[in-house]
């Protein structure tokens, strides 16, 4: 499956930044990407943090591997955690 990757940076409430990618099927609307990002932030105890075109931008398209596909089939998206997401 061809997917779109959105590079995302969010300020953490307690200081610092979270950096993660939101991977979605290629034809997903930006509104849906933001919805997925907000769901992820809520899981991480960071609900209410701003997520908008300034900190969540399209990066590139790629073919999804099996690990991504399982997550996308289950939730509609996959998150790649990079910094400050623990």
Protein backbone atom coordinates (compact mmCIF):
# COMPACT_ATOMS: atom_id res chain seq x y z
CA UNK A 1 0.00 0.00 0.00
CA UNK A 2 1.31 3.45 -0.86
CA UNK A 3 1.23 5.72 2.18
CA UNK A 4 1.72 9.40 2.97
CA UNK A 5 4.06 10.37 5.82
CA UNK A 6 3.46 13.53 7.87
CA UNK A 7 6.40 14.88 9.88
CA UNK A 8 5.03 16.12 13.21
CA UNK A 9 6.52 18.18 16.06
CA UNK A 10 4.46 18.99 19.17
CA UNK A 11 5.41 20.88 22.34
CA UNK A 12 5.03 18.70 25.43
CA UNK A 13 3.10 20.20 28.35
CA UNK A 14 5.99 19.66 30.73
CA UNK A 15 8.52 21.10 28.29
CA UNK A 16 10.46 19.65 25.43
CA UNK A 17 9.18 18.42 22.09
CA UNK A 18 7.66 15.28 20.68
CA UNK A 19 8.74 14.32 17.17
CA UNK A 20 6.81 11.59 15.36
CA UNK A 21 5.57 10.67 11.91
CA UNK A 22 1.94 9.92 11.14
CA UNK A 23 1.70 7.34 8.34
CA UNK A 24 -1.65 7.07 6.55
CA UNK A 25 -3.01 5.65 3.29
CA UNK A 26 -2.04 7.97 0.44
CA UNK A 27 -5.54 9.40 -0.14
CA UNK A 28 -6.27 10.31 3.51
CA UNK A 29 -7.53 13.87 4.05
CA UNK A 30 -5.46 16.27 6.14
CA UNK A 31 -8.37 16.61 8.59
CA UNK A 32 -8.21 12.85 9.19
CA UNK A 33 -4.42 13.02 9.69
CA UNK A 34 -4.96 15.66 12.40
CA UNK A 35 -7.66 13.50 14.00
CA UNK A 36 -5.24 10.55 14.11
CA UNK A 37 -2.51 12.78 15.55
CA UNK A 38 -4.82 14.02 18.28
CA UNK A 39 -5.79 10.44 19.17
CA UNK A 40 -2.09 9.58 19.49
CA UNK A 41 -1.44 12.65 21.66
CA UNK A 42 -4.30 11.64 23.93
CA UNK A 43 -2.77 8.16 24.33
CA UNK A 44 0.47 9.87 25.39
CA UNK A 45 -1.22 12.17 27.93
CA UNK A 46 -0.68 15.22 25.73
CA UNK A 47 -4.27 15.88 24.66
CA UNK A 48 -5.09 19.48 23.80
CA UNK A 49 -1.65 20.26 22.40
CA UNK A 50 -1.94 22.12 19.07
CA UNK A 51 -1.67 20.08 15.89
CA UNK A 52 -1.85 22.16 12.71
CA UNK A 53 -0.17 22.76 9.32
CA UNK A 54 2.73 24.53 11.05
CA UNK A 55 3.78 21.46 13.06
CA UNK A 56 2.30 18.56 11.05
CA UNK A 57 3.40 18.64 7.42
CA UNK A 58 3.41 16.21 4.53
CA UNK A 59 6.90 14.80 4.09
CA UNK A 60 6.80 12.07 1.44
CA UNK A 61 5.05 8.98 0.08
CA UNK A 62 6.37 5.46 0.63
CA UNK A 63 5.30 1.85 0.38
CA UNK A 64 4.18 0.55 3.76
CA UNK A 65 5.84 -2.50 5.25
CA UNK A 66 3.97 -5.29 7.02
CA UNK A 67 4.37 -3.69 10.46
CA UNK A 68 2.78 -0.44 9.21
CA UNK A 69 -0.03 -2.30 7.42
CA UNK A 70 -1.16 -4.09 10.58
CA UNK A 71 -1.47 -0.78 12.43
CA UNK A 72 -3.16 0.94 9.47
CA UNK A 73 -5.65 -1.93 9.10
CA UNK A 74 -6.44 -1.77 12.81
CA UNK A 75 -6.53 2.02 13.46
CA UNK A 76 -6.33 3.72 10.07
CA UNK A 77 -2.81 5.06 10.75
CA UNK A 78 0.63 4.19 12.06
CA UNK A 79 2.90 6.30 14.28
CA UNK A 80 6.68 6.28 14.02
CA UNK A 81 8.02 7.67 17.32
CA UNK A 82 11.31 9.52 16.97
CA UNK A 83 12.01 11.91 19.88
CA UNK A 84 10.36 12.77 23.18
CA UNK A 85 7.50 10.28 22.78
CA UNK A 86 8.24 8.04 25.76
